[in-house]
Amino acid sequence: MFVMTRSFRCFESLSWPAAAEAASQEGSTFVWPLGACEQHGPHLPLSTDTLFAETIITAVLKKLPSSFPIWKLPTQSIGFSPEHCSFPGTLSLSGNLMFQLVIEVGNQLADIGVKRLVLFNAHGGQIGLLQSAGRELRKQRPEMAVLPCFLWNGVSALKELIPDQEIEQGLHAGQAETSLMLSLAPELVGHERPSDGDSFYQDEKLRPPKGWSLEGAAPCAWLTEDLSKSGVIGDSSESNLSLGKQIENALIDHWVQLLTSLLTSNWPPVKRLEKF
């Protein structure tokens, strides 16, 4: 059974003097894994996004030099998931509450001297919300860099592993997420492999007008119930363990590279541009 780690580079495992020392170090960087508790079809657990965020960042941190001043905050396991609320099991915070959560926790971290806060998010439905909250937090606390990130964004190796159609349309519990779960926690994966959400784009009456899409340059605010009876948006039928291992390695390598780049830099500069 999957058990989340509670010790390695974990902020909550520190004593208060150790926490103060960690935050005060030059370049101190705190990573906050953010997931969700929401339906992921009949074959994946409600904790899918949370498990992904927690497991991948833990693997990444283990690959970084021990001298790097980086710690992991307690994982936020309930997020902003209104698109899935018609499916039993989904728990969703309001947008206002999620926004304020980031502001309040972020301000407390800035108070103790944290230099960088990485919002390490694995739930696509709260990308925009966390970007907005991150911008507001930076406005309030300009001395602390805020980096709202999405687990799956910018990982170029995925283009070689996952079909273009599934990258564009497999938004939830499809081939990529099912395969990754088979690699990380196979005992939590059921036997069903739904693909009914994939048929959405095959029906001219259902798909958005030309130039519009579920997500992209001209997106629409979709609800899962509009697209799928199973809760799967995409096609999970081609998922497999081998692909999951490759996806896992691609994600880890990508985030090791990005965090190394951040931690070996002097960014953000202490001196700010003068106001006009």
Protein backbone atom coordinates (compact mmCIF):
# COMPACT_ATOMS: atom_id res chain seq x y z
CA MET A 1 0.00 0.00 0.00
CA PHE A 2 1.29 3.47 -0.89
CA VAL A 3 2.49 5.44 2.12
CA MET A 4 3.51 9.09 1.82
CA THR A 5 6.95 9.89 3.17
CA ARG A 6 7.08 11.94 6.37
CA SER A 7 10.77 12.52 6.90
CA PHE A 8 13.03 13.24 3.93
CA ARG A 9 13.50 17.02 3.59
CA CYS A 10 10.09 17.47 5.21
CA PHE A 11 9.53 20.86 6.82
CA GLU A 12 7.04 19.45 9.33
CA SER A 13 9.66 17.02 10.65
CA LEU A 14 11.92 19.87 11.79
CA SER A 15 11.99 21.39 15.25
CA TRP A 16 11.21 25.08 15.41
CA PRO A 17 14.89 26.12 15.72
CA ALA A 18 15.73 23.91 12.74
CA ALA A 19 12.80 25.38 10.78
CA ALA A 20 14.04 28.89 11.51
CA GLU A 21 17.54 27.96 10.37
CA ALA A 22 16.24 26.30 7.19
CA ALA A 23 14.16 29.32 6.22
CA SER A 24 16.96 31.81 6.91
CA GLN A 25 19.51 30.12 4.64
CA GLU A 26 20.57 31.94 1.51
CA GLY A 27 18.38 30.81 -1.36
CA SER A 28 16.03 28.85 0.90
CA THR A 29 13.44 27.20 -1.34
CA PHE A 30 10.25 25.58 -0.09
CA VAL A 31 8.18 23.33 -2.34
CA TRP A 32 4.47 22.96 -1.61
CA PRO A 33 2.94 19.90 -3.31
CA LEU A 34 -0.69 20.53 -4.22
CA GLY A 35 -3.12 17.86 -5.34
CA ALA A 36 -6.83 17.16 -5.15
CA CYS A 37 -9.41 14.72 -3.86
CA GLU A 38 -11.54 14.11 -6.94
CA GLN A 39 -12.89 11.37 -9.15
CA HIS A 40 -10.45 9.83 -11.60
CA GLY A 41 -12.73 7.41 -13.37
CA PRO A 42 -13.74 3.99 -12.03
CA HIS A 43 -10.14 2.72 -12.06
CA LEU A 44 -7.99 5.37 -10.32
CA PRO A 45 -8.11 6.62 -6.71
CA LEU A 46 -9.47 9.98 -5.60
CA SER A 47 -5.96 10.82 -4.41
CA THR A 48 -4.39 10.50 -7.88
CA ASP A 49 -3.17 14.10 -8.24
CA THR A 50 -2.04 14.25 -4.62
CA LEU A 51 -0.11 11.01 -4.95
CA PHE A 52 1.56 12.24 -8.15
CA ALA A 53 2.65 15.55 -6.60
CA GLU A 54 3.95 13.93 -3.41
CA THR A 55 5.73 11.00 -5.04
CA ILE A 56 7.39 12.84 -7.91
CA ILE A 57 8.69 15.74 -5.80
CA THR A 58 10.03 13.32 -3.18
CA ALA A 59 11.93 11.42 -5.88
CA VAL A 60 13.24 14.71 -7.28
CA LEU A 61 14.46 15.95 -3.90
CA LYS A 62 16.34 12.70 -3.31
CA LYS A 63 18.32 13.34 -6.49
CA LEU A 64 19.36 16.85 -5.53
CA PRO A 65 22.61 17.51 -3.64
CA SER A 66 22.16 17.44 0.12
CA SER A 67 23.72 20.90 0.31
CA PHE A 68 20.79 22.50 -1.52
CA PRO A 69 18.59 24.57 0.87
CA ILE A 70 15.28 23.04 -0.21
CA TRP A 71 12.42 21.56 1.84
CA LYS A 72 9.02 20.09 1.14
CA LEU A 73 5.93 21.47 2.85
CA PRO A 74 3.02 19.23 3.90
CA THR A 75 1.05 18.21 0.83
CA GLN A 76 -2.31 19.92 0.26
CA SER A 77 -4.62 17.02 -0.62
CA ILE A 78 -7.92 18.84 -1.21
CA GLY A 79 -8.00 21.43 -3.95
CA PHE A 80 -10.28 23.35 -6.29
CA SER A 81 -12.23 20.74 -8.28
CA PRO A 82 -15.69 22.08 -9.22
CA GLU A 83 -15.57 20.41 -12.64
CA HIS A 84 -15.76 16.97 -11.00
CA CYS A 85 -18.35 17.66 -8.29
CA SER A 86 -21.12 15.71 -10.03
CA PHE A 87 -19.16 12.52 -9.31
CA PRO A 88 -19.31 11.03 -5.78
CA GLY A 89 -16.07 11.23 -3.82
CA THR A 90 -14.94 14.59 -5.13
CA LEU A 91 -14.18 17.14 -2.42
CA SER A 92 -13.61 20.70 -3.56
CA LEU A 93 -12.62 23.89 -1.78
CA SER A 94 -14.15 27.10 -3.08
CA GLY A 95 -11.97 29.26 -5.28
CA ASN A 96 -11.88 31.99 -2.64
CA LEU A 97 -10.81 29.56 0.07
CA MET A 98 -8.07 28.01 -2.06
CA PHE A 99 -6.83 31.45 -3.06
CA GLN A 100 -6.74 32.62 0.55
CA LEU A 101 -5.01 29.43 1.67
CA VAL A 102 -2.06 30.20 -0.61
CA ILE A 103 -1.95 33.81 0.59
CA GLU A 104 -2.04 32.96 4.29
CA VAL A 105 0.49 30.12 4.18
CA GLY A 106 2.72 32.12 1.85
CA ASN A 107 2.73 35.13 4.16
CA GLN A 108 3.70 32.98 7.12
CA LEU A 109 6.58 31.47 5.15
CA ALA A 110 7.77 34.93 4.13
CA ASP A 111 7.59 35.99 7.79
CA ILE A 112 10.23 33.41 8.75
CA GLY A 113 12.50 34.33 5.86
CA VAL A 114 11.78 31.83 3.07
CA LYS A 115 13.30 33.18 -0.16
CA ARG A 116 11.40 31.08 -2.74
CA LEU A 117 8.08 29.26 -2.70
CA VAL A 118 7.39 26.70 -5.43
CA LEU A 119 3.71 25.74 -5.79
CA PHE A 120 4.15 22.21 -7.14
CA ASN A 121 0.69 21.49 -8.48
CA ALA A 122 -0.52 18.23 -10.05
CA HIS A 123 -4.20 19.15 -10.62
CA GLY A 124 -4.90 20.83 -13.96
CA GLY A 125 -8.16 22.35 -12.79
CA GLN A 126 -6.43 24.77 -10.42
CA ILE A 127 -3.58 26.01 -12.61
CA GLY A 128 -5.09 29.44 -13.26
CA LEU A 129 -6.23 29.89 -9.68
CA LEU A 130 -2.75 29.17 -8.30
CA GLN A 131 -1.17 31.52 -10.82
CA SER A 132 -3.49 34.30 -9.67
CA ALA A 133 -2.88 33.54 -6.00
CA GLY A 134 0.86 33.42 -6.61
CA ARG A 135 0.81 36.83 -8.26
CA GLU A 136 -1.17 38.34 -5.37
CA LEU A 137 1.19 36.75 -2.84
CA ARG A 138 4.21 38.18 -4.64
CA LYS A 139 2.58 41.61 -4.60
CA GLN A 140 2.11 41.35 -0.84
CA ARG A 141 5.55 39.86 -0.18
CA PRO A 142 7.94 41.07 -2.90
CA GLU A 143 10.93 39.72 -0.97
CA MET A 144 9.84 36.12 -1.68
CA ALA A 145 9.80 34.61 -5.18
CA VAL A 146 6.64 32.63 -5.95
CA LEU A 147 6.68 30.00 -8.67
CA PRO A 148 3.30 28.38 -9.50
CA CYS A 149 4.15 25.23 -11.48
CA PHE A 150 2.17 22.37 -13.04
CA LEU A 151 3.63 18.85 -12.88
CA TRP A 152 2.96 18.04 -16.53
CA ASN A 153 3.83 21.38 -18.17
CA GLY A 154 6.97 21.81 -20.23
CA VAL A 155 8.09 18.15 -20.09
CA SER A 156 9.28 17.84 -23.68
CA ALA A 157 10.03 14.10 -23.42
CA LEU A 158 6.30 13.37 -23.10
CA LYS A 159 5.82 14.22 -26.78
CA GLU A 160 7.85 11.13 -27.68
CA LEU A 161 5.89 8.89 -25.32
CA ILE A 162 2.24 9.88 -25.66
CA PRO A 163 0.23 10.27 -28.90
CA ASP A 164 -0.57 13.85 -29.89
CA GLN A 165 -4.31 13.26 -29.61
CA GLU A 166 -3.95 12.00 -26.06
CA ILE A 167 -1.69 14.90 -25.09
CA GLU A 168 -4.30 17.36 -26.39
CA GLN A 169 -7.49 15.54 -25.39
CA GLY A 170 -6.49 13.08 -22.65
CA LEU A 171 -7.06 15.59 -19.90
CA HIS A 172 -8.12 13.35 -17.05
CA ALA A 173 -7.48 9.72 -16.05
CA GLY A 174 -6.47 8.82 -19.58
CA GLN A 175 -3.42 7.06 -20.96
CA ALA A 176 -0.78 9.17 -19.23
CA GLU A 177 -2.27 9.30 -15.73
CA THR A 178 -3.31 5.65 -15.74
CA SER A 179 0.14 4.54 -16.91
CA LEU A 180 1.89 6.68 -14.30
CA MET A 181 -0.28 5.24 -11.55
CA LEU A 182 0.56 1.72 -12.75
CA SER A 183 4.19 2.65 -12.16
CA LEU A 184 3.80 4.43 -8.82
CA ALA A 185 1.03 2.49 -7.07
CA PRO A 186 -0.30 -0.40 -9.20
CA GLU A 187 -2.29 -1.81 -6.29
CA LEU A 188 -4.55 1.25 -6.48
CA VAL A 189 -5.44 0.76 -10.15
CA GLY A 190 -8.69 -1.01 -11.05
CA HIS A 191 -9.20 -3.29 -14.06
CA GLU A 192 -11.44 -1.01 -16.12
CA ARG A 193 -9.93 1.09 -18.92
CA PRO A 194 -12.65 3.54 -20.03
CA SER A 195 -12.36 5.59 -23.21
CA ASP A 196 -15.83 7.16 -23.46
CA GLY A 197 -14.40 10.63 -22.90
CA ASP A 198 -12.37 10.20 -26.07
CA SER A 199 -15.54 9.98 -28.16
CA PHE A 200 -16.36 13.61 -27.34
CA TYR A 201 -14.27 14.91 -30.22
CA GLN A 202 -15.76 12.38 -32.60
CA ASP A 203 -19.26 13.85 -32.23
CA GLU A 204 -19.69 17.05 -34.24
CA LYS A 205 -22.69 18.04 -32.15
CA LEU A 206 -20.71 17.94 -28.93
CA ARG A 207 -17.25 19.27 -29.74
CA PRO A 208 -16.57 23.02 -29.60
CA PRO A 209 -16.74 25.13 -32.80
CA LYS A 210 -13.69 25.30 -35.05
CA GLY A 211 -10.86 27.17 -33.35
CA TRP A 212 -12.16 26.45 -29.84
CA SER A 213 -11.10 23.59 -27.57
CA LEU A 214 -11.44 22.22 -24.05
CA GLU A 215 -8.02 23.65 -23.21
CA GLY A 216 -5.72 25.66 -25.44
CA ALA A 217 -5.56 29.08 -27.05
CA ALA A 218 -9.35 29.51 -26.96
CA PRO A 219 -10.63 27.24 -24.18
CA CYS A 220 -14.05 26.68 -22.65
CA ALA A 221 -15.00 26.14 -19.00
CA TRP A 222 -15.97 22.49 -19.26
CA LEU A 223 -17.49 20.19 -16.68
CA THR A 224 -16.65 16.50 -16.67
CA GLU A 225 -20.31 15.51 -16.87
CA ASP A 226 -20.50 17.29 -20.25
CA LEU A 227 -17.90 14.96 -21.69
CA SER A 228 -17.88 11.58 -20.00
CA LYS A 229 -20.10 9.18 -18.07
CA SER A 230 -17.12 7.34 -16.60
CA GLY A 231 -15.24 10.46 -15.52
CA VAL A 232 -12.38 9.72 -17.91
CA ILE A 233 -11.53 12.40 -20.46
CA GLY A 234 -9.30 10.70 -22.97
CA ASP A 235 -8.51 7.04 -23.61
CA SER A 236 -7.06 4.90 -20.84
CA SER A 237 -7.17 1.67 -22.86
CA GLU A 238 -3.55 1.89 -24.09
CA SER A 239 -2.07 2.55 -20.66
CA ASN A 240 0.64 0.18 -19.45
CA LEU A 241 3.39 -0.20 -16.85
CA SER A 242 6.27 0.27 -19.30
CA LEU A 243 4.90 3.60 -20.46
CA GLY A 244 4.28 4.59 -16.86
CA LYS A 245 7.92 4.00 -15.95
CA GLN A 246 9.05 6.14 -18.86
CA ILE A 247 6.65 8.93 -17.89
CA GLU A 248 7.82 8.74 -14.27
CA ASN A 249 11.47 9.06 -15.32
CA ALA A 250 10.68 11.91 -17.71
CA LEU A 251 8.88 13.89 -15.00
CA ILE A 252 11.63 13.33 -12.43
CA ASP A 253 14.42 14.26 -14.85
CA HIS A 254 12.58 17.41 -15.93
CA TRP A 255 12.01 18.69 -12.41
CA VAL A 256 15.51 17.78 -11.23
CA GLN A 257 16.82 19.94 -14.05
CA LEU A 258 14.51 22.87 -13.31
CA LEU A 259 15.07 22.89 -9.56
CA THR A 260 18.83 22.53 -10.01
CA SER A 261 18.76 25.54 -12.32
CA LEU A 262 16.82 27.52 -9.72
CA LEU A 263 18.92 26.50 -6.74
CA THR A 264 22.24 27.20 -8.43
CA SER A 265 21.13 30.70 -9.44
CA ASN A 266 20.97 33.98 -7.55
CA TRP A 267 17.44 34.61 -8.79
CA PRO A 268 15.50 36.63 -7.91
CA PRO A 269 17.82 39.61 -7.52
CA VAL A 270 17.69 41.32 -4.16
CA LYS A 271 17.82 44.79 -5.72
CA ARG A 272 14.52 45.65 -7.40
CA LEU A 273 14.01 48.02 -10.29
CA GLU A 274 13.39 51.60 -9.24
CA LYS A 275 9.85 52.81 -9.67
CA PHE A 276 9.11 55.38 -12.34
